[in-house]
């Protein structure tokens, strides 16, 4: 069973260790936190966001953030989604996101929950679709390590929340 709880500072070391290579790091952060490797100081930048830790039984298994991208709480945006590499492929990401979406809809009464994912990150795209997210048609471009990367927006509305 997956549960989410507010992030604790004691989770940081384990979460940071999941970024073992540049590819993982840039797919996770789009370089927003700075250059690879992820430092403790860089990770602290997520402190301005609502941070959540997913637990598999009692062990830290995932992490994500929630922020308000606009002036109202009608939309909340999920970001910095990551699952322990040793636990990927078990549905943890899907369930973690479903719980995060439920939180956004029931606690904040958001009408829409969105996220952004690199279109070439096929495992993440598949996870987000399994969690009920659909592509919106909105795309963003990033330059990462000198190469252009395209991120697609995906969203869920309250009428399909589960």
C-alpha atoms as a PDB file:
ATOM      1  CA  UNK A   1       0.000   0.000   0.000  1.00  0.00           C
ATOM      2  CA  UNK A   2       1.291   3.439  -0.952  1.00  0.00           C
ATOM      3  CA  UNK A   3       0.696   6.423   1.317  1.00  0.00           C
ATOM      4  CA  UNK A   4       1.769  10.019   1.008  1.00  0.00           C
ATOM      5  CA  UNK A   5       2.749  12.362   3.779  1.00  0.00           C
ATOM      6  CA  UNK A   6       4.323  15.787   4.016  1.00  0.00           C
ATOM      7  CA  UNK A   7       8.030  15.684   3.178  1.00  0.00           C
ATOM      8  CA  UNK A   8      10.469  15.580   6.098  1.00  0.00           C
ATOM      9  CA  UNK A   9      14.037  16.867   5.939  1.00  0.00           C
ATOM     10  CA  UNK A  10      15.194  13.373   6.916  1.00  0.00           C
ATOM     11  CA  UNK A  11      13.915  12.162   3.487  1.00  0.00           C
ATOM     12  CA  UNK A  12      16.348  14.356   1.530  1.00  0.00           C
ATOM     13  CA  UNK A  13      19.423  12.164   1.454  1.00  0.00           C
ATOM     14  CA  UNK A  14      17.533   9.146   0.145  1.00  0.00           C
ATOM     15  CA  UNK A  15      15.660  11.160  -2.509  1.00  0.00           C
ATOM     16  CA  UNK A  16      18.814  12.928  -3.686  1.00  0.00           C
ATOM     17  CA  UNK A  17      20.551   9.552  -4.080  1.00  0.00           C
ATOM     18  CA  UNK A  18      17.988   8.537  -6.728  1.00  0.00           C
ATOM     19  CA  UNK A  19      19.611  10.946  -9.207  1.00  0.00           C
ATOM     20  CA  UNK A  20      22.571   8.698  -9.985  1.00  0.00           C
ATOM     21  CA  UNK A  21      23.302  10.085 -13.445  1.00  0.00           C
ATOM     22  CA  UNK A  22      22.841  13.212 -15.542  1.00  0.00           C
ATOM     23  CA  UNK A  23      20.064  11.769 -17.675  1.00  0.00           C
ATOM     24  CA  UNK A  24      17.905  10.956 -14.635  1.00  0.00           C
ATOM     25  CA  UNK A  25      18.682  14.303 -13.046  1.00  0.00           C
ATOM     26  CA  UNK A  26      17.711  16.389 -16.083  1.00  0.00           C
ATOM     27  CA  UNK A  27      14.568  14.365 -16.792  1.00  0.00           C
ATOM     28  CA  UNK A  28      13.576  14.992 -13.173  1.00  0.00           C
ATOM     29  CA  UNK A  29      14.493  18.677 -12.869  1.00  0.00           C
ATOM     30  CA  UNK A  30      14.819  20.069 -16.417  1.00  0.00           C
ATOM     31  CA  UNK A  31      17.838  21.829 -14.921  1.00  0.00           C
ATOM     32  CA  UNK A  32      15.559  24.120 -12.895  1.00  0.00           C
ATOM     33  CA  UNK A  33      17.451  23.358  -9.682  1.00  0.00           C
ATOM     34  CA  UNK A  34      20.855  23.921 -11.320  1.00  0.00           C
ATOM     35  CA  UNK A  35      23.495  21.740 -12.897  1.00  0.00           C
ATOM     36  CA  UNK A  36      24.156  18.076 -12.164  1.00  0.00           C
ATOM     37  CA  UNK A  37      25.001  16.644  -9.655  1.00  0.00           C
ATOM     38  CA  UNK A  38      22.156  17.502  -7.300  1.00  0.00           C
ATOM     39  CA  UNK A  39      23.502  19.147  -4.169  1.00  0.00           C
ATOM     40  CA  UNK A  40      21.806  19.538  -0.824  1.00  0.00           C
ATOM     41  CA  UNK A  41      21.587  23.293  -1.450  1.00  0.00           C
ATOM     42  CA  UNK A  42      19.922  22.775  -4.844  1.00  0.00           C
ATOM     43  CA  UNK A  43      17.403  20.337  -3.399  1.00  0.00           C
ATOM     44  CA  UNK A  44      16.502  22.877  -0.696  1.00  0.00           C
ATOM     45  CA  UNK A  45      15.065  25.066  -3.483  1.00  0.00           C
ATOM     46  CA  UNK A  46      12.070  22.722  -3.559  1.00  0.00           C
ATOM     47  CA  UNK A  47      11.253  24.039  -0.064  1.00  0.00           C
ATOM     48  CA  UNK A  48       9.245  26.871  -1.617  1.00  0.00           C
ATOM     49  CA  UNK A  49       6.791  24.229  -2.882  1.00  0.00           C
ATOM     50  CA  UNK A  50       4.437  21.832  -1.135  1.00  0.00           C
ATOM     51  CA  UNK A  51       6.539  18.674  -0.892  1.00  0.00           C
ATOM     52  CA  UNK A  52       5.269  15.136  -0.413  1.00  0.00           C
ATOM     53  CA  UNK A  53       6.939  11.823   0.239  1.00  0.00           C
ATOM     54  CA  UNK A  54       5.414   8.505  -0.797  1.00  0.00           C
ATOM     55  CA  UNK A  55       5.881   5.555   1.486  1.00  0.00           C
ATOM     56  CA  UNK A  56       5.829   1.906   0.479  1.00  0.00           C
ATOM     57  CA  UNK A  57       4.962   0.304   3.801  1.00  0.00           C
ATOM     58  CA  UNK A  58       7.244   2.430   6.012  1.00  0.00           C
ATOM     59  CA  UNK A  59      10.058   3.085   3.554  1.00  0.00           C
ATOM     60  CA  UNK A  60      10.504   6.205   1.420  1.00  0.00           C
ATOM     61  CA  UNK A  61       9.581   5.207  -2.135  1.00  0.00           C
ATOM     62  CA  UNK A  62       8.772   8.428  -4.001  1.00  0.00           C
ATOM     63  CA  UNK A  63       8.662  12.207  -3.943  1.00  0.00           C
ATOM     64  CA  UNK A  64       6.732  14.973  -5.677  1.00  0.00           C
ATOM     65  CA  UNK A  65       5.875  18.628  -5.251  1.00  0.00           C
ATOM     66  CA  UNK A  66       2.715  20.648  -5.727  1.00  0.00           C
ATOM     67  CA  UNK A  67       2.582  24.338  -6.564  1.00  0.00           C
ATOM     68  CA  UNK A  68       0.086  26.922  -7.618  1.00  0.00           C
ATOM     69  CA  UNK A  69       0.976  28.111 -11.144  1.00  0.00           C
ATOM     70  CA  UNK A  70      -1.544  30.970 -11.211  1.00  0.00           C
ATOM     71  CA  UNK A  71      -3.324  33.485  -9.059  1.00  0.00           C
ATOM     72  CA  UNK A  72      -6.027  31.118  -7.811  1.00  0.00           C
ATOM     73  CA  UNK A  73      -6.131  27.594  -6.449  1.00  0.00           C
ATOM     74  CA  UNK A  74      -8.284  26.440  -9.387  1.00  0.00           C
ATOM     75  CA  UNK A  75      -5.208  24.710 -10.806  1.00  0.00           C
ATOM     76  CA  UNK A  76      -2.375  23.004  -8.993  1.00  0.00           C
ATOM     77  CA  UNK A  77       0.757  21.737 -10.709  1.00  0.00           C
ATOM     78  CA  UNK A  78       2.619  18.596  -9.770  1.00  0.00           C
ATOM     79  CA  UNK A  79       6.365  18.562 -10.303  1.00  0.00           C
ATOM     80  CA  UNK A  80       9.665  16.941  -9.411  1.00  0.00           C
ATOM     81  CA  UNK A  81       8.084  13.480  -9.527  1.00  0.00           C
ATOM     82  CA  UNK A  82      10.553  10.706  -8.781  1.00  0.00           C
ATOM     83  CA  UNK A  83      10.376   7.106  -7.589  1.00  0.00           C
ATOM     84  CA  UNK A  84      13.150   5.052  -6.024  1.00  0.00           C
ATOM     85  CA  UNK A  85      14.839   3.359  -9.031  1.00  0.00           C
ATOM     86  CA  UNK A  86      14.849   0.020  -7.193  1.00  0.00           C
ATOM     87  CA  UNK A  87      11.055   0.216  -6.906  1.00  0.00           C
ATOM     88  CA  UNK A  88      10.090   1.416 -10.387  1.00  0.00           C
ATOM     89  CA  UNK A  89       7.662  -0.630 -12.422  1.00  0.00           C
ATOM     90  CA  UNK A  90       5.530  -1.570  -9.410  1.00  0.00           C
ATOM     91  CA  UNK A  91       2.822   1.092  -9.769  1.00  0.00           C
ATOM     92  CA  UNK A  92       4.227   3.298  -7.013  1.00  0.00           C
ATOM     93  CA  UNK A  93       4.378   6.393  -9.227  1.00  0.00           C
ATOM     94  CA  UNK A  94       0.833   5.866 -10.483  1.00  0.00           C
ATOM     95  CA  UNK A  95      -0.589   5.437  -6.995  1.00  0.00           C
ATOM     96  CA  UNK A  96       1.485   8.294  -5.584  1.00  0.00           C
ATOM     97  CA  UNK A  97       0.104  10.607  -8.260  1.00  0.00           C
ATOM     98  CA  UNK A  98      -3.464   9.425  -7.744  1.00  0.00           C
ATOM     99  CA  UNK A  99      -3.127  10.265  -4.055  1.00  0.00           C
ATOM    100  CA  UNK A 100      -1.597  13.655  -4.905  1.00  0.00           C
ATOM    101  CA  UNK A 101      -4.447  14.411  -7.306  1.00  0.00           C
ATOM    102  CA  UNK A 102      -7.029  13.379  -4.720  1.00  0.00           C
ATOM    103  CA  UNK A 103      -5.333  15.716  -2.221  1.00  0.00           C
ATOM    104  CA  UNK A 104      -5.453  18.611  -4.694  1.00  0.00           C
ATOM    105  CA  UNK A 105      -9.121  18.051  -5.480  1.00  0.00           C
ATOM    106  CA  UNK A 106     -10.404  17.320  -1.974  1.00  0.00           C
ATOM    107  CA  UNK A 107      -8.242  19.560   0.225  1.00  0.00           C
ATOM    108  CA  UNK A 108      -7.630  22.501  -2.124  1.00  0.00           C
ATOM    109  CA  UNK A 109     -10.762  22.045  -4.239  1.00  0.00           C
ATOM    110  CA  UNK A 110      -8.684  22.523  -7.358  1.00  0.00           C
ATOM    111  CA  UNK A 111     -10.541  22.064 -10.624  1.00  0.00           C
ATOM    112  CA  UNK A 112      -7.473  20.976 -12.569  1.00  0.00           C
ATOM    113  CA  UNK A 113      -4.175  19.302 -11.767  1.00  0.00           C
ATOM    114  CA  UNK A 114      -1.412  19.514 -14.338  1.00  0.00           C
ATOM    115  CA  UNK A 115       2.182  18.440 -14.816  1.00  0.00           C
ATOM    116  CA  UNK A 116       4.853  18.562 -17.472  1.00  0.00           C
ATOM    117  CA  UNK A 117       6.941  15.675 -18.785  1.00  0.00           C
ATOM    118  CA  UNK A 118       9.571  15.338 -21.462  1.00  0.00           C
ATOM    119  CA  UNK A 119       7.986  13.615 -24.432  1.00  0.00           C
ATOM    120  CA  UNK A 120      10.974  11.272 -24.739  1.00  0.00           C
ATOM    121  CA  UNK A 121      10.546  10.096 -21.124  1.00  0.00           C
ATOM    122  CA  UNK A 122       8.284   7.229 -22.143  1.00  0.00           C
ATOM    123  CA  UNK A 123       8.134   5.461 -18.741  1.00  0.00           C
ATOM    124  CA  UNK A 124       6.997   8.697 -17.052  1.00  0.00           C
ATOM    125  CA  UNK A 125       4.456   9.444 -19.803  1.00  0.00           C
ATOM    126  CA  UNK A 126       3.036   5.953 -19.380  1.00  0.00           C
ATOM    127  CA  UNK A 127       2.872   6.358 -15.600  1.00  0.00           C
ATOM    128  CA  UNK A 128       1.035   9.668 -15.876  1.00  0.00           C
ATOM    129  CA  UNK A 129      -1.477   8.247 -18.351  1.00  0.00           C
ATOM    130  CA  UNK A 130      -2.070   5.313 -15.984  1.00  0.00           C
ATOM    131  CA  UNK A 131      -2.735   7.861 -13.226  1.00  0.00           C
ATOM    132  CA  UNK A 132      -5.459   9.447 -15.373  1.00  0.00           C
ATOM    133  CA  UNK A 133      -3.565  12.353 -16.944  1.00  0.00           C
ATOM    134  CA  UNK A 134      -4.134  13.297 -20.597  1.00  0.00           C
ATOM    135  CA  UNK A 135      -2.089  15.442 -22.947  1.00  0.00           C
ATOM    136  CA  UNK A 136      -3.398  18.990 -23.281  1.00  0.00           C
ATOM    137  CA  UNK A 137      -1.528  19.973 -26.460  1.00  0.00           C
ATOM    138  CA  UNK A 138       0.621  22.539 -24.617  1.00  0.00           C
ATOM    139  CA  UNK A 139       4.357  22.099 -25.164  1.00  0.00           C
ATOM    140  CA  UNK A 140       7.416  23.786 -23.684  1.00  0.00           C
ATOM    141  CA  UNK A 141      10.964  23.720 -24.994  1.00  0.00           C
ATOM    142  CA  UNK A 142      14.060  23.440 -22.836  1.00  0.00           C
ATOM    143  CA  UNK A 143      17.722  23.398 -23.775  1.00  0.00           C
ATOM    144  CA  UNK A 144      19.469  20.772 -21.701  1.00  0.00           C
ATOM    145  CA  UNK A 145      23.144  20.003 -22.176  1.00  0.00           C
ATOM    146  CA  UNK A 146      23.003  21.861 -25.491  1.00  0.00           C
ATOM    147  CA  UNK A 147      20.071  19.873 -26.876  1.00  0.00           C
ATOM    148  CA  UNK A 148      16.487  21.023 -27.278  1.00  0.00           C
ATOM    149  CA  UNK A 149      14.011  18.927 -25.297  1.00  0.00           C
ATOM    150  CA  UNK A 150      10.223  19.163 -25.603  1.00  0.00           C
ATOM    151  CA  UNK A 151       8.025  18.817 -22.544  1.00  0.00           C
ATOM    152  CA  UNK A 152       4.325  18.122 -22.900  1.00  0.00           C
ATOM    153  CA  UNK A 153       1.685  19.231 -20.458  1.00  0.00           C
ATOM    154  CA  UNK A 154      -0.705  16.639 -19.094  1.00  0.00           C
ATOM    155  CA  UNK A 155      -3.713  17.332 -16.878  1.00  0.00           C
ATOM    156  CA  UNK A 156      -6.653  15.896 -14.981  1.00  0.00           C
ATOM    157  CA  UNK A 157      -9.918  17.643 -14.209  1.00  0.00           C
ATOM    158  CA  UNK A 158     -12.164  17.136 -11.191  1.00  0.00           C
ATOM    159  CA  UNK A 159     -14.794  15.333 -13.254  1.00  0.00           C
ATOM    160  CA  UNK A 160     -12.429  12.393 -13.745  1.00  0.00           C
ATOM    161  CA  UNK A 161     -10.815  12.343 -10.297  1.00  0.00           C
ATOM    162  CA  UNK A 162     -10.624   8.991  -8.599  1.00  0.00           C
END
